[in-house]
Amino acid sequence: MLMETNEESGQEQIKTSEDSVIVIYNEPVMQSALDAIPVLTKNGEITIRAKGNSIPNAVAVANIITENILKGNSKIHKITVDSEPIHEMGRTLSSIEIILRKY
């Protein structure tokens, strides 16, 4: 985890290394949560990312980790929701990024 201070705004920005990012697909949520635990334990922080139909799975993984597996030892630090247009299809694709921290 790398922290930088933005001189214009004075706010700290956290840059996560790619080894602390877990991308969630349409897989069993319990297996994804169990796969994320060693990364969170090693780095102290994990970023869970998902797009489209996988967003509910990402939310479920974050809840399983914070509410069941590491209850009282982790918390959701930040949630970012975004969308991007898909011009070929005339639709938008939503995405979510959930940052969990172990303490």
PDB file of N, CA and C in Angstrom:
ATOM      1  N   MET A   1       0.847  -1.164   0.000  1.00  0.00           N
ATOM      2  CA  MET A   1       0.000   0.000   0.000  1.00  0.00           C
ATOM      3  C   MET A   1       0.897   1.232   0.000  1.00  0.00           C
ATOM      4  N   LEU A   2       0.601   2.174  -0.864  1.00  0.00           N
ATOM      5  CA  LEU A   2       1.382   3.379  -1.003  1.00  0.00           C
ATOM      6  C   LEU A   2       0.467   4.565  -0.798  1.00  0.00           C
ATOM      7  N   MET A   3       0.851   5.485   0.084  1.00  0.00           N
ATOM      8  CA  MET A   3       0.031   6.675   0.323  1.00  0.00           C
ATOM      9  C   MET A   3       0.743   7.887  -0.258  1.00  0.00           C
ATOM     10  N   GLU A   4      -0.017   8.708  -0.962  1.00  0.00           N
ATOM     11  CA  GLU A   4       0.502   9.952  -1.515  1.00  0.00           C
ATOM     12  C   GLU A   4      -0.410  11.091  -1.101  1.00  0.00           C
ATOM     13  N   THR A   5       0.154  12.269  -0.966  1.00  0.00           N
ATOM     14  CA  THR A   5      -0.645  13.440  -0.659  1.00  0.00           C
ATOM     15  C   THR A   5      -0.765  14.285  -1.912  1.00  0.00           C
ATOM     16  N   ASN A   6      -1.986  14.594  -2.283  1.00  0.00           N
ATOM     17  CA  ASN A   6      -2.243  15.445  -3.417  1.00  0.00           C
ATOM     18  C   ASN A   6      -2.013  16.882  -2.970  1.00  0.00           C
ATOM     19  N   GLU A   7      -1.013  17.536  -3.552  1.00  0.00           N
ATOM     20  CA  GLU A   7      -0.642  18.874  -3.098  1.00  0.00           C
ATOM     21  C   GLU A   7      -1.721  19.909  -3.379  1.00  0.00           C
ATOM     22  N   GLU A   8      -2.505  19.732  -4.442  1.00  0.00           N
ATOM     23  CA  GLU A   8      -3.547  20.699  -4.760  1.00  0.00           C
ATOM     24  C   GLU A   8      -4.665  20.670  -3.735  1.00  0.00           C
ATOM     25  N   SER A   9      -5.087  19.461  -3.338  1.00  0.00           N
ATOM     26  CA  SER A   9      -6.215  19.362  -2.420  1.00  0.00           C
ATOM     27  C   SER A   9      -5.782  19.079  -0.996  1.00  0.00           C
ATOM     28  N   GLY A  10      -4.540  18.605  -0.805  1.00  0.00           N
ATOM     29  CA  GLY A  10      -4.063  18.266   0.527  1.00  0.00           C
ATOM     30  C   GLY A  10      -4.601  16.943   1.043  1.00  0.00           C
ATOM     31  N   GLN A  11      -5.325  16.204   0.197  1.00  0.00           N
ATOM     32  CA  GLN A  11      -5.899  14.929   0.605  1.00  0.00           C
ATOM     33  C   GLN A  11      -4.933  13.800   0.299  1.00  0.00           C
ATOM     34  N   GLU A  12      -4.964  12.785   1.161  1.00  0.00           N
ATOM     35  CA  GLU A  12      -4.145  11.610   0.922  1.00  0.00           C
ATOM     36  C   GLU A  12      -4.872  10.676  -0.025  1.00  0.00           C
ATOM     37  N   GLN A  13      -4.140  10.132  -0.966  1.00  0.00           N
ATOM     38  CA  GLN A  13      -4.692   9.160  -1.884  1.00  0.00           C
ATOM     39  C   GLN A  13      -3.947   7.851  -1.673  1.00  0.00           C
ATOM     40  N   ILE A  14      -4.681   6.773  -1.668  1.00  0.00           N
ATOM     41  CA  ILE A  14      -4.075   5.469  -1.469  1.00  0.00           C
ATOM     42  C   ILE A  14      -3.974   4.772  -2.817  1.00  0.00           C
ATOM     43  N   LYS A  15      -2.769   4.337  -3.143  1.00  0.00           N
ATOM     44  CA  LYS A  15      -2.565   3.574  -4.364  1.00  0.00           C
ATOM     45  C   LYS A  15      -2.309   2.135  -3.960  1.00  0.00           C
ATOM     46  N   THR A  16      -3.126   1.241  -4.463  1.00  0.00           N
ATOM     47  CA  THR A  16      -2.972  -0.164  -4.121  1.00  0.00           C
ATOM     48  C   THR A  16      -2.123  -0.842  -5.180  1.00  0.00           C
ATOM     49  N   SER A  17      -1.320  -1.781  -4.745  1.00  0.00           N
ATOM     50  CA  SER A  17      -0.564  -2.567  -5.693  1.00  0.00           C
ATOM     51  C   SER A  17      -1.497  -3.609  -6.305  1.00  0.00           C
ATOM     52  N   GLU A  18      -1.177  -4.047  -7.482  1.00  0.00           N
ATOM     53  CA  GLU A  18      -2.050  -4.978  -8.193  1.00  0.00           C
ATOM     54  C   GLU A  18      -2.156  -6.330  -7.494  1.00  0.00           C
ATOM     55  N   ASP A  19      -1.203  -6.672  -6.621  1.00  0.00           N
ATOM     56  CA  ASP A  19      -1.302  -7.959  -5.933  1.00  0.00           C
ATOM     57  C   ASP A  19      -2.332  -7.924  -4.807  1.00  0.00           C
ATOM     58  N   SER A  20      -2.864  -6.754  -4.480  1.00  0.00           N
ATOM     59  CA  SER A  20      -3.903  -6.668  -3.461  1.00  0.00           C
ATOM     60  C   SER A  20      -5.275  -6.407  -4.076  1.00  0.00           C
ATOM     61  N   VAL A  21      -5.411  -6.667  -5.368  1.00  0.00           N
ATOM     62  CA  VAL A  21      -6.677  -6.483  -6.075  1.00  0.00           C
ATOM     63  C   VAL A  21      -7.243  -7.849  -6.434  1.00  0.00           C
ATOM     64  N   ILE A  22      -8.499  -8.057  -6.085  1.00  0.00           N
ATOM     65  CA  ILE A  22      -9.213  -9.277  -6.434  1.00  0.00           C
ATOM     66  C   ILE A  22     -10.357  -8.878  -7.368  1.00  0.00           C
ATOM     67  N   VAL A  23     -10.402  -9.490  -8.524  1.00  0.00           N
ATOM     68  CA  VAL A  23     -11.484  -9.237  -9.469  1.00  0.00           C
ATOM     69  C   VAL A  23     -12.492 -10.372  -9.320  1.00  0.00           C
ATOM     70  N   ILE A  24     -13.736 -10.002  -9.097  1.00  0.00           N
ATOM     71  CA  ILE A  24     -14.804 -10.973  -8.876  1.00  0.00           C
ATOM     72  C   ILE A  24     -15.552 -11.221 -10.185  1.00  0.00           C
ATOM     73  N   TYR A  25     -15.720 -12.490 -10.482  1.00  0.00           N
ATOM     74  CA  TYR A  25     -16.511 -12.905 -11.635  1.00  0.00           C
ATOM     75  C   TYR A  25     -17.710 -13.679 -11.107  1.00  0.00           C
ATOM     76  N   ASN A  26     -18.453 -14.312 -11.963  1.00  0.00           N
ATOM     77  CA  ASN A  26     -19.613 -15.108 -11.537  1.00  0.00           C
ATOM     78  C   ASN A  26     -19.143 -16.478 -11.061  1.00  0.00           C
ATOM     79  N   GLU A  27     -18.506 -16.490  -9.905  1.00  0.00           N
ATOM     80  CA  GLU A  27     -18.004 -17.693  -9.262  1.00  0.00           C
ATOM     81  C   GLU A  27     -18.710 -17.818  -7.913  1.00  0.00           C
ATOM     82  N   PRO A  28     -18.609 -18.960  -7.267  1.00  0.00           N
ATOM     83  CA  PRO A  28     -19.202 -19.081  -5.928  1.00  0.00           C
ATOM     84  C   PRO A  28     -18.611 -18.046  -4.971  1.00  0.00           C
ATOM     85  N   VAL A  29     -19.475 -17.305  -4.279  1.00  0.00           N
ATOM     86  CA  VAL A  29     -19.008 -16.191  -3.457  1.00  0.00           C
ATOM     87  C   VAL A  29     -18.182 -16.653  -2.267  1.00  0.00           C
ATOM     88  N   MET A  30     -18.507 -17.792  -1.689  1.00  0.00           N
ATOM     89  CA  MET A  30     -17.738 -18.266  -0.543  1.00  0.00           C
ATOM     90  C   MET A  30     -16.307 -18.601  -0.962  1.00  0.00           C
ATOM     91  N   GLN A  31     -16.140 -19.213  -2.113  1.00  0.00           N
ATOM     92  CA  GLN A  31     -14.788 -19.522  -2.597  1.00  0.00           C
ATOM     93  C   GLN A  31     -14.010 -18.240  -2.871  1.00  0.00           C
ATOM     94  N   SER A  32     -14.663 -17.242  -3.455  1.00  0.00           N
ATOM     95  CA  SER A  32     -14.001 -15.956  -3.708  1.00  0.00           C
ATOM     96  C   SER A  32     -13.591 -15.291  -2.396  1.00  0.00           C
ATOM     97  N   ALA A  33     -14.445 -15.362  -1.381  1.00  0.00           N
ATOM     98  CA  ALA A  33     -14.128 -14.781  -0.077  1.00  0.00           C
ATOM     99  C   ALA A  33     -12.947 -15.504   0.553  1.00  0.00           C
ATOM    100  N   LEU A  34     -12.935 -16.820   0.471  1.00  0.00           N
ATOM    101  CA  LEU A  34     -11.819 -17.582   1.038  1.00  0.00           C
ATOM    102  C   LEU A  34     -10.514 -17.325   0.288  1.00  0.00           C
ATOM    103  N   ASP A  35     -10.600 -17.095  -1.020  1.00  0.00           N
ATOM    104  CA  ASP A  35      -9.407 -16.749  -1.802  1.00  0.00           C
ATOM    105  C   ASP A  35      -8.873 -15.365  -1.434  1.00  0.00           C
ATOM    106  N   ALA A  36      -9.753 -14.468  -1.004  1.00  0.00           N
ATOM    107  CA  ALA A  36      -9.355 -13.096  -0.682  1.00  0.00           C
ATOM    108  C   ALA A  36      -8.708 -12.971   0.698  1.00  0.00           C
ATOM    109  N   ILE A  37      -9.015 -13.880   1.616  1.00  0.00           N
ATOM    110  CA  ILE A  37      -8.517 -13.780   2.990  1.00  0.00           C
ATOM    111  C   ILE A  37      -6.988 -13.756   3.069  1.00  0.00           C
ATOM    112  N   PRO A  38      -6.255 -14.641   2.388  1.00  0.00           N
ATOM    113  CA  PRO A  38      -4.787 -14.576   2.484  1.00  0.00           C
ATOM    114  C   PRO A  38      -4.209 -13.262   1.958  1.00  0.00           C
ATOM    115  N   VAL A  39      -4.821 -12.711   0.928  1.00  0.00           N
ATOM    116  CA  VAL A  39      -4.353 -11.436   0.368  1.00  0.00           C
ATOM    117  C   VAL A  39      -4.579 -10.317   1.379  1.00  0.00           C
ATOM    118  N   LEU A  40      -5.739 -10.298   2.013  1.00  0.00           N
ATOM    119  CA  LEU A  40      -6.050  -9.280   3.020  1.00  0.00           C
ATOM    120  C   LEU A  40      -5.136  -9.414   4.233  1.00  0.00           C
ATOM    121  N   THR A  41      -4.880 -10.645   4.653  1.00  0.00           N
ATOM    122  CA  THR A  41      -4.012 -10.876   5.803  1.00  0.00           C
ATOM    123  C   THR A  41      -2.582 -10.432   5.505  1.00  0.00           C
ATOM    124  N   LYS A  42      -2.102 -10.727   4.314  1.00  0.00           N
ATOM    125  CA  LYS A  42      -0.730 -10.380   3.929  1.00  0.00           C
ATOM    126  C   LYS A  42      -0.532  -8.871   3.777  1.00  0.00           C
ATOM    127  N   ASN A  43      -1.472  -8.217   3.084  1.00  0.00           N
ATOM    128  CA  ASN A  43      -1.305  -6.797   2.741  1.00  0.00           C
ATOM    129  C   ASN A  43      -1.985  -5.834   3.706  1.00  0.00           C
ATOM    130  N   GLY A  44      -2.922  -6.310   4.506  1.00  0.00           N
ATOM    131  CA  GLY A  44      -3.655  -5.438   5.409  1.00  0.00           C
ATOM    132  C   GLY A  44      -4.769  -4.668   4.729  1.00  0.00           C
ATOM    133  N   GLU A  45      -4.838  -4.792   3.404  1.00  0.00           N
ATOM    134  CA  GLU A  45      -5.869  -4.107   2.629  1.00  0.00           C
ATOM    135  C   GLU A  45      -6.094  -4.890   1.348  1.00  0.00           C
ATOM    136  N   ILE A  46      -7.320  -4.897   0.894  1.00  0.00           N
ATOM    137  CA  ILE A  46      -7.645  -5.577  -0.359  1.00  0.00           C
ATOM    138  C   ILE A  46      -8.667  -4.737  -1.109  1.00  0.00           C
ATOM    139  N   THR A  47      -8.538  -4.732  -2.420  1.00  0.00           N
ATOM    140  CA  THR A  47      -9.497  -4.054  -3.282  1.00  0.00           C
ATOM    141  C   THR A  47     -10.266  -5.119  -4.053  1.00  0.00           C
ATOM    142  N   ILE A  48     -11.577  -5.092  -3.908  1.00  0.00           N
ATOM    143  CA  ILE A  48     -12.452  -6.026  -4.602  1.00  0.00           C
ATOM    144  C   ILE A  48     -13.097  -5.264  -5.750  1.00  0.00           C
ATOM    145  N   ARG A  49     -12.932  -5.768  -6.959  1.00  0.00           N
ATOM    146  CA  ARG A  49     -13.500  -5.112  -8.140  1.00  0.00           C
ATOM    147  C   ARG A  49     -14.423  -6.059  -8.877  1.00  0.00           C
ATOM    148  N   ALA A  50     -15.477  -5.487  -9.456  1.00  0.00           N
ATOM    149  CA  ALA A  50     -16.408  -6.270 -10.265  1.00  0.00           C
ATOM    150  C   ALA A  50     -17.116  -5.351 -11.250  1.00  0.00           C
ATOM    151  N   LYS A  51     -17.603  -5.964 -12.324  1.00  0.00           N
ATOM    152  CA  LYS A  51     -18.362  -5.229 -13.335  1.00  0.00           C
ATOM    153  C   LYS A  51     -19.641  -5.974 -13.655  1.00  0.00           C
ATOM    154  N   GLY A  52     -20.648  -5.201 -14.034  1.00  0.00           N
ATOM    155  CA  GLY A  52     -21.897  -5.768 -14.538  1.00  0.00           C
ATOM    156  C   GLY A  52     -22.594  -6.704 -13.576  1.00  0.00           C
ATOM    157  N   ASN A  53     -22.923  -7.897 -14.064  1.00  0.00           N
ATOM    158  CA  ASN A  53     -23.682  -8.869 -13.286  1.00  0.00           C
ATOM    159  C   ASN A  53     -22.901  -9.449 -12.110  1.00  0.00           C
ATOM    160  N   SER A  54     -21.611  -9.194 -12.036  1.00  0.00           N
ATOM    161  CA  SER A  54     -20.785  -9.700 -10.936  1.00  0.00           C
ATOM    162  C   SER A  54     -20.787  -8.771  -9.720  1.00  0.00           C
ATOM    163  N   ILE A  55     -21.390  -7.604  -9.829  1.00  0.00           N
ATOM    164  CA  ILE A  55     -21.408  -6.641  -8.724  1.00  0.00           C
ATOM    165  C   ILE A  55     -22.063  -7.218  -7.466  1.00  0.00           C
ATOM    166  N   PRO A  56     -23.212  -7.880  -7.546  1.00  0.00           N
ATOM    167  CA  PRO A  56     -23.782  -8.457  -6.318  1.00  0.00           C
ATOM    168  C   PRO A  56     -22.855  -9.479  -5.655  1.00  0.00           C
ATOM    169  N   ASN A  57     -22.097 -10.218  -6.454  1.00  0.00           N
ATOM    170  CA  ASN A  57     -21.140 -11.166  -5.889  1.00  0.00           C
ATOM    171  C   ASN A  57     -20.031 -10.445  -5.133  1.00  0.00           C
ATOM    172  N   ALA A  58     -19.555  -9.317  -5.662  1.00  0.00           N
ATOM    173  CA  ALA A  58     -18.511  -8.551  -4.986  1.00  0.00           C
ATOM    174  C   ALA A  58     -19.005  -8.013  -3.645  1.00  0.00           C
ATOM    175  N   VAL A  59     -20.234  -7.533  -3.623  1.00  0.00           N
ATOM    176  CA  VAL A  59     -20.819  -7.036  -2.370  1.00  0.00           C
ATOM    177  C   VAL A  59     -20.964  -8.185  -1.371  1.00  0.00           C
ATOM    178  N   ALA A  60     -21.394  -9.342  -1.860  1.00  0.00           N
ATOM    179  CA  ALA A  60     -21.530 -10.506  -0.981  1.00  0.00           C
ATOM    180  C   ALA A  60     -20.177 -10.939  -0.423  1.00  0.00           C
ATOM    181  N   VAL A  61     -19.136 -10.924  -1.249  1.00  0.00           N
ATOM    182  CA  VAL A  61     -17.789 -11.285  -0.779  1.00  0.00           C
ATOM    183  C   VAL A  61     -17.328 -10.319   0.307  1.00  0.00           C
ATOM    184  N   ALA A  62     -17.516  -9.029   0.088  1.00  0.00           N
ATOM    185  CA  ALA A  62     -17.125  -8.035   1.097  1.00  0.00           C
ATOM    186  C   ALA A  62     -17.883  -8.248   2.396  1.00  0.00           C
ATOM    187  N   ASN A  63     -19.169  -8.533   2.307  1.00  0.00           N
ATOM    188  CA  ASN A  63     -19.968  -8.775   3.517  1.00  0.00           C
ATOM    189  C   ASN A  63     -19.552 -10.059   4.226  1.00  0.00           C
ATOM    190  N   ILE A  64     -19.282 -11.106   3.482  1.00  0.00           N
ATOM    191  CA  ILE A  64     -18.841 -12.354   4.099  1.00  0.00           C
ATOM    192  C   ILE A  64     -17.547 -12.145   4.862  1.00  0.00           C
ATOM    193  N   ILE A  65     -16.619 -11.409   4.270  1.00  0.00           N
ATOM    194  CA  ILE A  65     -15.329 -11.170   4.935  1.00  0.00           C
ATOM    195  C   ILE A  65     -15.506 -10.324   6.184  1.00  0.00           C
ATOM    196  N   THR A  66     -16.205  -9.193   6.071  1.00  0.00           N
ATOM    197  CA  THR A  66     -16.290  -8.263   7.205  1.00  0.00           C
ATOM    198  C   THR A  66     -17.278  -8.701   8.277  1.00  0.00           C
ATOM    199  N   GLU A  67     -18.353  -9.386   7.897  1.00  0.00           N
ATOM    200  CA  GLU A  67     -19.389  -9.740   8.867  1.00  0.00           C
ATOM    201  C   GLU A  67     -19.248 -11.158   9.419  1.00  0.00           C
ATOM    202  N   ASN A  68     -18.653 -12.065   8.657  1.00  0.00           N
ATOM    203  CA  ASN A  68     -18.603 -13.460   9.095  1.00  0.00           C
ATOM    204  C   ASN A  68     -17.184 -13.938   9.400  1.00  0.00           C
ATOM    205  N   ILE A  69     -16.291 -13.845   8.426  1.00  0.00           N
ATOM    206  CA  ILE A  69     -14.970 -14.442   8.589  1.00  0.00           C
ATOM    207  C   ILE A  69     -14.080 -13.610   9.516  1.00  0.00           C
ATOM    208  N   LEU A  70     -13.941 -12.344   9.256  1.00  0.00           N
ATOM    209  CA  LEU A  70     -13.073 -11.476  10.074  1.00  0.00           C
ATOM    210  C   LEU A  70     -13.901 -10.493  10.887  1.00  0.00           C
ATOM    211  N   LYS A  71     -14.974 -10.965  11.451  1.00  0.00           N
ATOM    212  CA  LYS A  71     -15.888 -10.116  12.223  1.00  0.00           C
ATOM    213  C   LYS A  71     -15.122  -9.366  13.319  1.00  0.00           C
ATOM    214  N   GLY A  72     -15.214  -8.051  13.284  1.00  0.00           N
ATOM    215  CA  GLY A  72     -14.542  -7.222  14.275  1.00  0.00           C
ATOM    216  C   GLY A  72     -13.084  -6.941  13.979  1.00  0.00           C
ATOM    217  N   ASN A  73     -12.514  -7.583  12.949  1.00  0.00           N
ATOM    218  CA  ASN A  73     -11.107  -7.366  12.612  1.00  0.00           C
ATOM    219  C   ASN A  73     -10.905  -6.723  11.252  1.00  0.00           C
ATOM    220  N   SER A  74     -11.988  -6.399  10.575  1.00  0.00           N
ATOM    221  CA  SER A  74     -11.879  -5.754   9.270  1.00  0.00           C
ATOM    222  C   SER A  74     -13.074  -4.832   9.077  1.00  0.00           C
ATOM    223  N   LYS A  75     -12.917  -3.915   8.139  1.00  0.00           N
ATOM    224  CA  LYS A  75     -14.021  -3.009   7.840  1.00  0.00           C
ATOM    225  C   LYS A  75     -13.931  -2.564   6.386  1.00  0.00           C
ATOM    226  N   ILE A  76     -15.060  -2.104   5.887  1.00  0.00           N
ATOM    227  CA  ILE A  76     -15.092  -1.537   4.543  1.00  0.00           C
ATOM    228  C   ILE A  76     -14.597  -0.109   4.650  1.00  0.00           C
ATOM    229  N   HIS A  77     -13.509   0.183   3.943  1.00  0.00           N
ATOM    230  CA  HIS A  77     -12.909   1.509   4.000  1.00  0.00           C
ATOM    231  C   HIS A  77     -13.553   2.455   2.988  1.00  0.00           C
ATOM    232  N   LYS A  78     -13.769   1.963   1.767  1.00  0.00           N
ATOM    233  CA  LYS A  78     -14.275   2.846   0.717  1.00  0.00           C
ATOM    234  C   LYS A  78     -14.997   2.027  -0.338  1.00  0.00           C
ATOM    235  N   ILE A  79     -16.072   2.587  -0.875  1.00  0.00           N
ATOM    236  CA  ILE A  79     -16.802   1.969  -1.978  1.00  0.00           C
ATOM    237  C   ILE A  79     -16.906   2.997  -3.101  1.00  0.00           C
ATOM    238  N   THR A  80     -16.511   2.586  -4.295  1.00  0.00           N
ATOM    239  CA  THR A  80     -16.598   3.450  -5.462  1.00  0.00           C
ATOM    240  C   THR A  80     -17.448   2.756  -6.508  1.00  0.00           C
ATOM    241  N   VAL A  81     -18.470   3.452  -6.989  1.00  0.00           N
ATOM    242  CA  VAL A  81     -19.362   2.924  -8.026  1.00  0.00           C
ATOM    243  C   VAL A  81     -19.208   3.814  -9.249  1.00  0.00           C
ATOM    244  N   ASP A  82     -19.128   3.183 -10.418  1.00  0.00           N
ATOM    245  CA  ASP A  82     -18.921   3.934 -11.647  1.00  0.00           C
ATOM    246  C   ASP A  82     -19.651   3.227 -12.782  1.00  0.00           C
ATOM    247  N   SER A  83     -19.756   3.882 -13.906  1.00  0.00           N
ATOM    248  CA  SER A  83     -20.304   3.255 -15.106  1.00  0.00           C
ATOM    249  C   SER A  83     -19.624   3.856 -16.320  1.00  0.00           C
ATOM    250  N   GLU A  84     -19.571   3.063 -17.365  1.00  0.00           N
ATOM    251  CA  GLU A  84     -18.955   3.522 -18.602  1.00  0.00           C
ATOM    252  C   GLU A  84     -19.855   3.128 -19.767  1.00  0.00           C
ATOM    253  N   PRO A  85     -19.964   4.001 -20.759  1.00  0.00           N
ATOM    254  CA  PRO A  85     -20.835   3.678 -21.893  1.00  0.00           C
ATOM    255  C   PRO A  85     -20.204   2.606 -22.787  1.00  0.00           C
ATOM    256  N   ILE A  86     -21.044   1.739 -23.290  1.00  0.00           N
ATOM    257  CA  ILE A  86     -20.627   0.756 -24.296  1.00  0.00           C
ATOM    258  C   ILE A  86     -21.279   1.203 -25.595  1.00  0.00           C
ATOM    259  N   HIS A  87     -20.491   1.853 -26.428  1.00  0.00           N
ATOM    260  CA  HIS A  87     -21.046   2.487 -27.625  1.00  0.00           C
ATOM    261  C   HIS A  87     -21.598   1.479 -28.620  1.00  0.00           C
ATOM    262  N   GLU A  88     -20.972   0.311 -28.741  1.00  0.00           N
ATOM    263  CA  GLU A  88     -21.428  -0.678 -29.709  1.00  0.00           C
ATOM    264  C   GLU A  88     -22.838  -1.165 -29.387  1.00  0.00           C
ATOM    265  N   MET A  89     -23.158  -1.230 -28.100  1.00  0.00           N
ATOM    266  CA  MET A  89     -24.437  -1.798 -27.699  1.00  0.00           C
ATOM    267  C   MET A  89     -25.444  -0.726 -27.263  1.00  0.00           C
ATOM    268  N   GLY A  90     -25.010   0.508 -27.124  1.00  0.00           N
ATOM    269  CA  GLY A  90     -25.905   1.570 -26.687  1.00  0.00           C
ATOM    270  C   GLY A  90     -26.305   1.442 -25.225  1.00  0.00           C
ATOM    271  N   ARG A  91     -25.467   0.821 -24.419  1.00  0.00           N
ATOM    272  CA  ARG A  91     -25.748   0.595 -23.000  1.00  0.00           C
ATOM    273  C   ARG A  91     -24.608   1.142 -22.151  1.00  0.00           C
ATOM    274  N   THR A  92     -24.755   0.997 -20.851  1.00  0.00           N
ATOM    275  CA  THR A  92     -23.671   1.334 -19.938  1.00  0.00           C
ATOM    276  C   THR A  92     -23.293   0.089 -19.140  1.00  0.00           C
ATOM    277  N   LEU A  93     -22.039   0.029 -18.734  1.00  0.00           N
ATOM    278  CA  LEU A  93     -21.537  -1.074 -17.924  1.00  0.00           C
ATOM    279  C   LEU A  93     -21.137  -0.502 -16.569  1.00  0.00           C
ATOM    280  N   SER A  94     -21.802  -0.959 -15.529  1.00  0.00           N
ATOM    281  CA  SER A  94     -21.509  -0.488 -14.172  1.00  0.00           C
ATOM    282  C   SER A  94     -20.334  -1.259 -13.606  1.00  0.00           C
ATOM    283  N   SER A  95     -19.621  -0.610 -12.678  1.00  0.00           N
ATOM    284  CA  SER A  95     -18.509  -1.260 -11.990  1.00  0.00           C
ATOM    285  C   SER A  95     -18.493  -0.808 -10.537  1.00  0.00           C
ATOM    286  N   ILE A  96     -17.875  -1.628  -9.689  1.00  0.00           N
ATOM    287  CA  ILE A  96     -17.762  -1.315  -8.272  1.00  0.00           C
ATOM    288  C   ILE A  96     -16.359  -1.670  -7.808  1.00  0.00           C
ATOM    289  N   GLU A  97     -15.872  -0.884  -6.868  1.00  0.00           N
ATOM    290  CA  GLU A  97     -14.590  -1.142  -6.227  1.00  0.00           C
ATOM    291  C   GLU A  97     -14.804  -0.990  -4.725  1.00  0.00           C
ATOM    292  N   ILE A  98     -14.527  -2.033  -3.983  1.00  0.00           N
ATOM    293  CA  ILE A  98     -14.709  -2.042  -2.531  1.00  0.00           C
ATOM    294  C   ILE A  98     -13.340  -2.261  -1.902  1.00  0.00           C
ATOM    295  N   ILE A  99     -12.929  -1.338  -1.045  1.00  0.00           N
ATOM    296  CA  ILE A  99     -11.651  -1.461  -0.359  1.00  0.00           C
ATOM    297  C   ILE A  99     -11.916  -1.901   1.075  1.00  0.00           C
ATOM    298  N   LEU A 100     -11.336  -3.044   1.443  1.00  0.00           N
ATOM    299  CA  LEU A 100     -11.439  -3.570   2.800  1.00  0.00           C
ATOM    300  C   LEU A 100     -10.105  -3.402   3.501  1.00  0.00           C
ATOM    301  N   ARG A 101     -10.152  -3.084   4.769  1.00  0.00           N
ATOM    302  CA  ARG A 101      -8.937  -2.970   5.588  1.00  0.00           C
ATOM    303  C   ARG A 101      -9.042  -3.872   6.810  1.00  0.00           C
ATOM    304  N   LYS A 102      -7.942  -4.499   7.113  1.00  0.00           N
ATOM    305  CA  LYS A 102      -7.839  -5.338   8.301  1.00  0.00           C
ATOM    306  C   LYS A 102      -7.184  -4.508   9.386  1.00  0.00           C
ATOM    307  N   TYR A 103      -7.699  -4.576  10.599  1.00  0.00           N
ATOM    308  CA  TYR A 103      -7.076  -3.841  11.703  1.00  0.00           C
ATOM    309  C   TYR A 103      -7.050  -4.675  12.951  1.00  0.00           C
TER     310      TYR A 103
END
